[in-house]
């Protein structure tokens, strides 16, 4: 199942300075893909969106939290 979330914050120095970059999004996508139950992940930090496919929504939310992403 694919889930879409609005990203409200990521706990990195660039995001704290309101500077979002593709490199950070790529690193976060890789981090999400290493989490159990995650099949696909795509982030657009400038648009503040996350699209994540996983076995169930609880696994997806756990993976997002483990990556340091806050969602709405």
PDB file of N, CA and C in Angstrom:
ATOM      1  N   UNK A   1       0.834  -1.177   0.000  1.00  0.00           N
ATOM      2  CA  UNK A   1       0.000   0.000   0.000  1.00  0.00           C
ATOM      3  C   UNK A   1       0.883   1.247   0.000  1.00  0.00           C
ATOM      4  N   UNK A   2       0.446   2.274  -0.750  1.00  0.00           N
ATOM      5  CA  UNK A   2       1.200   3.519  -0.755  1.00  0.00           C
ATOM      6  C   UNK A   2       0.474   4.561   0.093  1.00  0.00           C
ATOM      7  N   UNK A   3       1.263   5.275   0.877  1.00  0.00           N
ATOM      8  CA  UNK A   3       0.733   6.304   1.750  1.00  0.00           C
ATOM      9  C   UNK A   3       1.408   7.627   1.416  1.00  0.00           C
ATOM     10  N   UNK A   4       0.650   8.707   1.500  1.00  0.00           N
ATOM     11  CA  UNK A   4       1.166  10.044   1.243  1.00  0.00           C
ATOM     12  C   UNK A   4       1.008  10.875   2.512  1.00  0.00           C
ATOM     13  N   UNK A   5       2.091  11.563   2.874  1.00  0.00           N
ATOM     14  CA  UNK A   5       2.070  12.385   4.072  1.00  0.00           C
ATOM     15  C   UNK A   5       2.666  13.747   3.791  1.00  0.00           C
ATOM     16  N   UNK A   6       2.190  14.721   4.513  1.00  0.00           N
ATOM     17  CA  UNK A   6       2.833  16.026   4.515  1.00  0.00           C
ATOM     18  C   UNK A   6       3.960  15.989   5.532  1.00  0.00           C
ATOM     19  N   UNK A   7       5.137  16.434   5.135  1.00  0.00           N
ATOM     20  CA  UNK A   7       6.287  16.455   6.036  1.00  0.00           C
ATOM     21  C   UNK A   7       6.343  17.831   6.684  1.00  0.00           C
ATOM     22  N   UNK A   8       6.287  17.865   7.998  1.00  0.00           N
ATOM     23  CA  UNK A   8       6.307  19.150   8.689  1.00  0.00           C
ATOM     24  C   UNK A   8       7.703  19.536   9.158  1.00  0.00           C
ATOM     25  N   UNK A   9       8.583  18.559   9.348  1.00  0.00           N
ATOM     26  CA  UNK A   9       9.918  18.875   9.857  1.00  0.00           C
ATOM     27  C   UNK A   9      10.817  17.664   9.722  1.00  0.00           C
ATOM     28  N   UNK A  10      12.096  17.929   9.504  1.00  0.00           N
ATOM     29  CA  UNK A  10      13.117  16.897   9.579  1.00  0.00           C
ATOM     30  C   UNK A  10      14.238  17.445  10.425  1.00  0.00           C
ATOM     31  N   UNK A  11      14.726  16.650  11.334  1.00  0.00           N
ATOM     32  CA  UNK A  11      15.702  17.106  12.319  1.00  0.00           C
ATOM     33  C   UNK A  11      17.133  17.096  11.783  1.00  0.00           C
ATOM     34  N   UNK A  12      17.400  17.915  10.759  1.00  0.00           N
ATOM     35  CA  UNK A  12      18.778  18.077  10.310  1.00  0.00           C
ATOM     36  C   UNK A  12      19.116  19.567  10.283  1.00  0.00           C
ATOM     37  N   UNK A  13      20.383  19.900  10.221  1.00  0.00           N
ATOM     38  CA  UNK A  13      20.800  21.306  10.269  1.00  0.00           C
ATOM     39  C   UNK A  13      20.257  22.094   9.091  1.00  0.00           C
ATOM     40  N   UNK A  14      20.247  21.518   7.906  1.00  0.00           N
ATOM     41  CA  UNK A  14      19.739  22.241   6.747  1.00  0.00           C
ATOM     42  C   UNK A  14      18.261  22.547   6.898  1.00  0.00           C
ATOM     43  N   UNK A  15      17.509  21.570   7.350  1.00  0.00           N
ATOM     44  CA  UNK A  15      16.076  21.802   7.507  1.00  0.00           C
ATOM     45  C   UNK A  15      15.815  22.807   8.622  1.00  0.00           C
ATOM     46  N   UNK A  16      16.631  22.788   9.654  1.00  0.00           N
ATOM     47  CA  UNK A  16      16.477  23.772  10.719  1.00  0.00           C
ATOM     48  C   UNK A  16      16.696  25.175  10.170  1.00  0.00           C
ATOM     49  N   UNK A  17      17.552  25.290   9.164  1.00  0.00           N
ATOM     50  CA  UNK A  17      17.806  26.571   8.519  1.00  0.00           C
ATOM     51  C   UNK A  17      16.883  26.823   7.345  1.00  0.00           C
ATOM     52  N   UNK A  18      15.860  25.960   7.179  1.00  0.00           N
ATOM     53  CA  UNK A  18      14.881  26.077   6.092  1.00  0.00           C
ATOM     54  C   UNK A  18      15.508  25.951   4.711  1.00  0.00           C
ATOM     55  N   UNK A  19      16.588  25.165   4.605  1.00  0.00           N
ATOM     56  CA  UNK A  19      17.241  24.905   3.326  1.00  0.00           C
ATOM     57  C   UNK A  19      17.078  23.415   3.044  1.00  0.00           C
ATOM     58  N   UNK A  20      16.309  23.088   2.037  1.00  0.00           N
ATOM     59  CA  UNK A  20      16.045  21.682   1.717  1.00  0.00           C
ATOM     60  C   UNK A  20      16.758  21.334   0.417  1.00  0.00           C
ATOM     61  N   UNK A  21      17.377  20.163   0.392  1.00  0.00           N
ATOM     62  CA  UNK A  21      18.116  19.802  -0.813  1.00  0.00           C
ATOM     63  C   UNK A  21      17.812  18.370  -1.233  1.00  0.00           C
ATOM     64  N   UNK A  22      18.089  18.095  -2.498  1.00  0.00           N
ATOM     65  CA  UNK A  22      17.838  16.764  -3.057  1.00  0.00           C
ATOM     66  C   UNK A  22      18.729  15.710  -2.403  1.00  0.00           C
ATOM     67  N   UNK A  23      19.954  16.086  -2.025  1.00  0.00           N
ATOM     68  CA  UNK A  23      20.858  15.129  -1.394  1.00  0.00           C
ATOM     69  C   UNK A  23      20.262  14.624  -0.085  1.00  0.00           C
ATOM     70  N   UNK A  24      19.729  15.527   0.710  1.00  0.00           N
ATOM     71  CA  UNK A  24      19.119  15.142   1.980  1.00  0.00           C
ATOM     72  C   UNK A  24      17.924  14.222   1.723  1.00  0.00           C
ATOM     73  N   UNK A  25      17.101  14.553   0.734  1.00  0.00           N
ATOM     74  CA  UNK A  25      15.945  13.720   0.412  1.00  0.00           C
ATOM     75  C   UNK A  25      16.398  12.325  -0.015  1.00  0.00           C
ATOM     76  N   UNK A  26      17.449  12.254  -0.823  1.00  0.00           N
ATOM     77  CA  UNK A  26      17.972  10.959  -1.253  1.00  0.00           C
ATOM     78  C   UNK A  26      18.481  10.123  -0.101  1.00  0.00           C
ATOM     79  N   UNK A  27      19.184  10.763   0.818  1.00  0.00           N
ATOM     80  CA  UNK A  27      19.690  10.044   1.996  1.00  0.00           C
ATOM     81  C   UNK A  27      18.540   9.535   2.855  1.00  0.00           C
ATOM     82  N   UNK A  28      17.509  10.346   3.011  1.00  0.00           N
ATOM     83  CA  UNK A  28      16.349   9.923   3.795  1.00  0.00           C
ATOM     84  C   UNK A  28      15.598   8.781   3.115  1.00  0.00           C
ATOM     85  N   UNK A  29      15.482   8.843   1.792  1.00  0.00           N
ATOM     86  CA  UNK A  29      14.845   7.751   1.066  1.00  0.00           C
ATOM     87  C   UNK A  29      15.595   6.446   1.290  1.00  0.00           C
ATOM     88  N   UNK A  30      16.927   6.487   1.213  1.00  0.00           N
ATOM     89  CA  UNK A  30      17.731   5.289   1.465  1.00  0.00           C
ATOM     90  C   UNK A  30      17.536   4.786   2.888  1.00  0.00           C
ATOM     91  N   UNK A  31      17.483   5.703   3.832  1.00  0.00           N
ATOM     92  CA  UNK A  31      17.276   5.326   5.238  1.00  0.00           C
ATOM     93  C   UNK A  31      15.909   4.658   5.411  1.00  0.00           C
ATOM     94  N   UNK A  32      14.897   5.194   4.761  1.00  0.00           N
ATOM     95  CA  UNK A  32      13.563   4.593   4.844  1.00  0.00           C
ATOM     96  C   UNK A  32      13.544   3.199   4.243  1.00  0.00           C
ATOM     97  N   UNK A  33      14.220   3.016   3.109  1.00  0.00           N
ATOM     98  CA  UNK A  33      14.227   1.713   2.444  1.00  0.00           C
ATOM     99  C   UNK A  33      14.930   0.630   3.258  1.00  0.00           C
ATOM    100  N   UNK A  34      15.777   1.027   4.193  1.00  0.00           N
ATOM    101  CA  UNK A  34      16.444   0.043   5.066  1.00  0.00           C
ATOM    102  C   UNK A  34      15.548  -0.394   6.225  1.00  0.00           C
ATOM    103  N   UNK A  35      14.416   0.266   6.402  1.00  0.00           N
ATOM    104  CA  UNK A  35      13.513  -0.062   7.501  1.00  0.00           C
ATOM    105  C   UNK A  35      12.648  -1.269   7.124  1.00  0.00           C
ATOM    106  N   UNK A  36      12.338  -2.134   8.082  1.00  0.00           N
ATOM    107  CA  UNK A  36      11.496  -3.306   7.799  1.00  0.00           C
ATOM    108  C   UNK A  36      10.111  -2.886   7.296  1.00  0.00           C
ATOM    109  N   UNK A  37       9.624  -3.581   6.271  1.00  0.00           N
ATOM    110  CA  UNK A  37       8.277  -3.358   5.785  1.00  0.00           C
ATOM    111  C   UNK A  37       8.136  -2.235   4.770  1.00  0.00           C
ATOM    112  N   UNK A  38       9.235  -1.586   4.371  1.00  0.00           N
ATOM    113  CA  UNK A  38       9.167  -0.482   3.419  1.00  0.00           C
ATOM    114  C   UNK A  38       9.624  -0.968   2.047  1.00  0.00           C
ATOM    115  N   UNK A  39       8.770  -0.779   1.030  1.00  0.00           N
ATOM    116  CA  UNK A  39       9.080  -1.231  -0.325  1.00  0.00           C
ATOM    117  C   UNK A  39       9.587  -0.091  -1.206  1.00  0.00           C
ATOM    118  N   UNK A  40       8.985   1.093  -1.078  1.00  0.00           N
ATOM    119  CA  UNK A  40       9.385   2.253  -1.881  1.00  0.00           C
ATOM    120  C   UNK A  40       9.250   3.509  -1.033  1.00  0.00           C
ATOM    121  N   UNK A  41      10.095   4.498  -1.361  1.00  0.00           N
ATOM    122  CA  UNK A  41      10.018   5.780  -0.659  1.00  0.00           C
ATOM    123  C   UNK A  41      10.456   6.888  -1.610  1.00  0.00           C
ATOM    124  N   UNK A  42       9.691   7.973  -1.608  1.00  0.00           N
ATOM    125  CA  UNK A  42      10.059   9.150  -2.392  1.00  0.00           C
ATOM    126  C   UNK A  42       9.715  10.378  -1.574  1.00  0.00           C
ATOM    127  N   UNK A  43      10.667  11.295  -1.486  1.00  0.00           N
ATOM    128  CA  UNK A  43      10.473  12.519  -0.720  1.00  0.00           C
ATOM    129  C   UNK A  43      10.694  13.735  -1.600  1.00  0.00           C
ATOM    130  N   UNK A  44       9.886  14.745  -1.387  1.00  0.00           N
ATOM    131  CA  UNK A  44      10.100  16.054  -1.985  1.00  0.00           C
ATOM    132  C   UNK A  44      10.039  17.044  -0.822  1.00  0.00           C
ATOM    133  N   UNK A  45      11.207  17.369  -0.282  1.00  0.00           N
ATOM    134  CA  UNK A  45      11.247  18.215   0.903  1.00  0.00           C
ATOM    135  C   UNK A  45      10.827  19.646   0.603  1.00  0.00           C
ATOM    136  N   UNK A  46      11.077  20.123  -0.607  1.00  0.00           N
ATOM    137  CA  UNK A  46      10.634  21.474  -0.944  1.00  0.00           C
ATOM    138  C   UNK A  46       9.111  21.562  -0.954  1.00  0.00           C
ATOM    139  N   UNK A  47       8.463  20.516  -1.431  1.00  0.00           N
ATOM    140  CA  UNK A  47       6.999  20.468  -1.444  1.00  0.00           C
ATOM    141  C   UNK A  47       6.453  19.928  -0.123  1.00  0.00           C
ATOM    142  N   UNK A  48       7.355  19.476   0.745  1.00  0.00           N
ATOM    143  CA  UNK A  48       6.992  18.906   2.053  1.00  0.00           C
ATOM    144  C   UNK A  48       6.057  17.703   1.916  1.00  0.00           C
ATOM    145  N   UNK A  49       6.427  16.770   1.008  1.00  0.00           N
ATOM    146  CA  UNK A  49       5.625  15.579   0.773  1.00  0.00           C
ATOM    147  C   UNK A  49       6.475  14.315   0.854  1.00  0.00           C
ATOM    148  N   UNK A  50       5.857  13.257   1.353  1.00  0.00           N
ATOM    149  CA  UNK A  50       6.497  11.934   1.398  1.00  0.00           C
ATOM    150  C   UNK A  50       5.513  10.915   0.849  1.00  0.00           C
ATOM    151  N   UNK A  51       5.996  10.059  -0.057  1.00  0.00           N
ATOM    152  CA  UNK A  51       5.207   8.965  -0.606  1.00  0.00           C
ATOM    153  C   UNK A  51       5.948   7.687  -0.243  1.00  0.00           C
ATOM    154  N   UNK A  52       5.318   6.840   0.538  1.00  0.00           N
ATOM    155  CA  UNK A  52       5.984   5.639   1.036  1.00  0.00           C
ATOM    156  C   UNK A  52       5.066   4.437   0.859  1.00  0.00           C
ATOM    157  N   UNK A  53       5.617   3.360   0.295  1.00  0.00           N
ATOM    158  CA  UNK A  53       4.883   2.101   0.155  1.00  0.00           C
ATOM    159  C   UNK A  53       5.412   1.126   1.190  1.00  0.00           C
ATOM    160  N   UNK A  54       4.481   0.501   1.887  1.00  0.00           N
ATOM    161  CA  UNK A  54       4.876  -0.451   2.909  1.00  0.00           C
ATOM    162  C   UNK A  54       3.799  -1.474   3.151  1.00  0.00           C
ATOM    163  N   UNK A  55       4.105  -2.410   4.022  1.00  0.00           N
ATOM    164  CA  UNK A  55       3.181  -3.503   4.297  1.00  0.00           C
ATOM    165  C   UNK A  55       1.925  -3.013   5.010  1.00  0.00           C
ATOM    166  N   UNK A  56       2.070  -2.034   5.889  1.00  0.00           N
ATOM    167  CA  UNK A  56       0.918  -1.466   6.586  1.00  0.00           C
ATOM    168  C   UNK A  56       1.284  -0.063   7.080  1.00  0.00           C
ATOM    169  N   UNK A  57       0.286   0.710   7.421  1.00  0.00           N
ATOM    170  CA  UNK A  57       0.528   2.107   7.793  1.00  0.00           C
ATOM    171  C   UNK A  57       1.351   2.237   9.072  1.00  0.00           C
ATOM    172  N   UNK A  58       1.182   1.336  10.017  1.00  0.00           N
ATOM    173  CA  UNK A  58       1.982   1.403  11.248  1.00  0.00           C
ATOM    174  C   UNK A  58       3.467   1.263  10.951  1.00  0.00           C
ATOM    175  N   UNK A  59       3.825   0.346  10.041  1.00  0.00           N
ATOM    176  CA  UNK A  59       5.233   0.170   9.653  1.00  0.00           C
ATOM    177  C   UNK A  59       5.774   1.424   8.984  1.00  0.00           C
ATOM    178  N   UNK A  60       4.951   2.033   8.133  1.00  0.00           N
ATOM    179  CA  UNK A  60       5.371   3.247   7.430  1.00  0.00           C
ATOM    180  C   UNK A  60       5.600   4.380   8.419  1.00  0.00           C
ATOM    181  N   UNK A  61       4.678   4.575   9.337  1.00  0.00           N
ATOM    182  CA  UNK A  61       4.825   5.649  10.324  1.00  0.00           C
ATOM    183  C   UNK A  61       6.037   5.405  11.207  1.00  0.00           C
ATOM    184  N   UNK A  62       6.260   4.167  11.628  1.00  0.00           N
ATOM    185  CA  UNK A  62       7.442   3.841  12.426  1.00  0.00           C
ATOM    186  C   UNK A  62       8.725   4.165  11.663  1.00  0.00           C
ATOM    187  N   UNK A  63       8.757   3.840  10.364  1.00  0.00           N
ATOM    188  CA  UNK A  63       9.939   4.102   9.537  1.00  0.00           C
ATOM    189  C   UNK A  63      10.171   5.599   9.385  1.00  0.00           C
ATOM    190  N   UNK A  64       9.119   6.369   9.173  1.00  0.00           N
ATOM    191  CA  UNK A  64       9.243   7.816   9.057  1.00  0.00           C
ATOM    192  C   UNK A  64       9.791   8.426  10.347  1.00  0.00           C
ATOM    193  N   UNK A  65       9.273   7.964  11.475  1.00  0.00           N
ATOM    194  CA  UNK A  65       9.758   8.462  12.761  1.00  0.00           C
ATOM    195  C   UNK A  65      11.215   8.077  12.989  1.00  0.00           C
ATOM    196  N   UNK A  66      11.590   6.851  12.603  1.00  0.00           N
ATOM    197  CA  UNK A  66      12.973   6.402  12.773  1.00  0.00           C
ATOM    198  C   UNK A  66      13.925   7.231  11.909  1.00  0.00           C
ATOM    199  N   UNK A  67      13.428   7.739  10.783  1.00  0.00           N
ATOM    200  CA  UNK A  67      14.249   8.574   9.895  1.00  0.00           C
ATOM    201  C   UNK A  67      14.318  10.020  10.376  1.00  0.00           C
ATOM    202  N   UNK A  68      13.531  10.355  11.404  1.00  0.00           N
ATOM    203  CA  UNK A  68      13.540  11.709  11.943  1.00  0.00           C
ATOM    204  C   UNK A  68      12.589  12.660  11.243  1.00  0.00           C
ATOM    205  N   UNK A  69      11.609  12.100  10.520  1.00  0.00           N
ATOM    206  CA  UNK A  69      10.640  12.929   9.822  1.00  0.00           C
ATOM    207  C   UNK A  69       9.387  13.100  10.663  1.00  0.00           C
ATOM    208  N   UNK A  70       8.917  14.314  10.733  1.00  0.00           N
ATOM    209  CA  UNK A  70       7.650  14.594  11.396  1.00  0.00           C
ATOM    210  C   UNK A  70       6.609  14.797  10.300  1.00  0.00           C
ATOM    211  N   UNK A  71       5.459  14.144  10.438  1.00  0.00           N
ATOM    212  CA  UNK A  71       4.427  14.198   9.409  1.00  0.00           C
ATOM    213  C   UNK A  71       3.143  14.732   9.999  1.00  0.00           C
ATOM    214  N   UNK A  72       2.259  15.183   9.088  1.00  0.00           N
ATOM    215  CA  UNK A  72       0.940  15.597   9.570  1.00  0.00           C
ATOM    216  C   UNK A  72      -0.124  14.664   9.057  1.00  0.00           C
TER     217      UNK A  72
END
